[in-house]
């Protein structure tokens, strides 16, 4: 027989933490991109081009994390609601 052990409030807290982390990362990424755009006027060598490409690649990965974490947070809140209804009905 399958079992599921879950604390609805713990799922909600983790979902909220995931959303805060996503928001923090998005803010930091925007600030970093702004700084990089500013320095691009004075830093114009091969090393800058390499750095910029690496940064763009990293931000692509972060975008995937943003999408996945949004989906997971929503899923966890739904699971928490289901678990809470089950616990309330026992």
Protein backbone atom coordinates (compact mmCIF):
# COMPACT_ATOMS: atom_id res chain seq x y z
CA UNK A 1 0.00 0.00 0.00
CA UNK A 2 1.31 3.44 -0.93
CA UNK A 3 1.83 6.07 1.72
CA UNK A 4 2.28 9.79 1.68
CA UNK A 5 3.60 11.64 4.67
CA UNK A 6 3.18 15.35 4.32
CA UNK A 7 2.70 18.42 6.46
CA UNK A 8 0.59 20.90 4.50
CA UNK A 9 2.08 23.92 6.26
CA UNK A 10 5.63 22.72 5.52
CA UNK A 11 4.73 22.48 1.81
CA UNK A 12 3.27 25.98 1.88
CA UNK A 13 6.37 27.37 3.61
CA UNK A 14 8.66 25.74 1.05
CA UNK A 15 6.53 27.01 -1.85
CA UNK A 16 6.74 30.53 -0.40
CA UNK A 17 10.51 30.21 0.07
CA UNK A 18 10.87 29.01 -3.51
CA UNK A 19 8.92 32.03 -4.73
CA UNK A 20 11.01 34.43 -2.62
CA UNK A 21 14.21 32.85 -3.93
CA UNK A 22 12.99 33.19 -7.49
CA UNK A 23 12.15 36.84 -6.92
CA UNK A 24 15.53 37.51 -5.31
CA UNK A 25 17.35 35.84 -8.19
CA UNK A 26 15.35 37.79 -10.74
CA UNK A 27 16.19 41.07 -9.01
CA UNK A 28 19.87 40.21 -8.80
CA UNK A 29 19.94 39.08 -12.42
CA UNK A 30 18.35 42.36 -13.54
CA UNK A 31 20.87 44.36 -11.50
CA UNK A 32 23.75 42.34 -12.93
CA UNK A 33 22.54 42.82 -16.49
CA UNK A 34 22.27 46.55 -15.86
CA UNK A 35 25.82 46.66 -14.54
CA UNK A 36 27.11 44.62 -17.47
CA UNK A 37 25.36 46.93 -19.92
CA UNK A 38 27.01 49.89 -18.22
CA UNK A 39 30.49 48.44 -18.32
CA UNK A 40 30.13 47.35 -21.94
CA UNK A 41 30.85 50.92 -22.99
CA UNK A 42 34.34 50.82 -21.48
CA UNK A 43 35.20 47.10 -21.50
CA UNK A 44 35.56 46.09 -25.13
CA UNK A 45 37.95 43.21 -25.48
CA UNK A 46 37.78 39.48 -26.15
CA UNK A 47 37.47 38.72 -22.44
CA UNK A 48 34.31 40.83 -22.23
CA UNK A 49 32.79 38.96 -25.18
CA UNK A 50 33.58 35.62 -23.51
CA UNK A 51 32.16 36.83 -20.20
CA UNK A 52 29.01 38.16 -21.84
CA UNK A 53 28.38 34.86 -23.64
CA UNK A 54 28.91 32.91 -20.41
CA UNK A 55 26.56 35.27 -18.57
CA UNK A 56 23.89 34.88 -21.26
CA UNK A 57 24.18 31.09 -20.97
CA UNK A 58 23.85 31.30 -17.18
CA UNK A 59 20.77 33.50 -17.50
CA UNK A 60 19.19 30.96 -19.85
CA UNK A 61 19.56 28.36 -17.11
CA UNK A 62 18.10 30.82 -14.59
CA UNK A 63 15.10 31.40 -16.86
CA UNK A 64 14.45 27.67 -16.86
CA UNK A 65 14.68 27.69 -13.07
CA UNK A 66 12.20 30.59 -12.89
CA UNK A 67 9.68 28.66 -14.96
CA UNK A 68 10.20 25.39 -13.11
CA UNK A 69 10.12 26.96 -9.65
CA UNK A 70 6.89 28.81 -10.48
CA UNK A 71 5.31 25.56 -11.60
CA UNK A 72 6.60 23.64 -8.59
CA UNK A 73 5.43 26.26 -6.10
CA UNK A 74 1.95 26.12 -7.59
CA UNK A 75 1.99 22.31 -7.50
CA UNK A 76 3.12 22.27 -3.87
CA UNK A 77 0.39 24.69 -2.81
CA UNK A 78 -2.18 22.47 -4.52
CA UNK A 79 -0.80 19.37 -2.80
CA UNK A 80 -0.85 21.19 0.54
CA UNK A 81 -4.52 22.09 0.00
CA UNK A 82 -5.41 18.50 -0.85
CA UNK A 83 -3.52 17.16 2.16
CA UNK A 84 -5.19 19.72 4.42
CA UNK A 85 -8.65 18.77 3.18
CA UNK A 86 -7.84 15.12 3.78
CA UNK A 87 -6.60 15.83 7.29
CA UNK A 88 -9.61 18.01 8.07
CA UNK A 89 -11.94 15.22 6.92
CA UNK A 90 -10.49 12.46 9.08
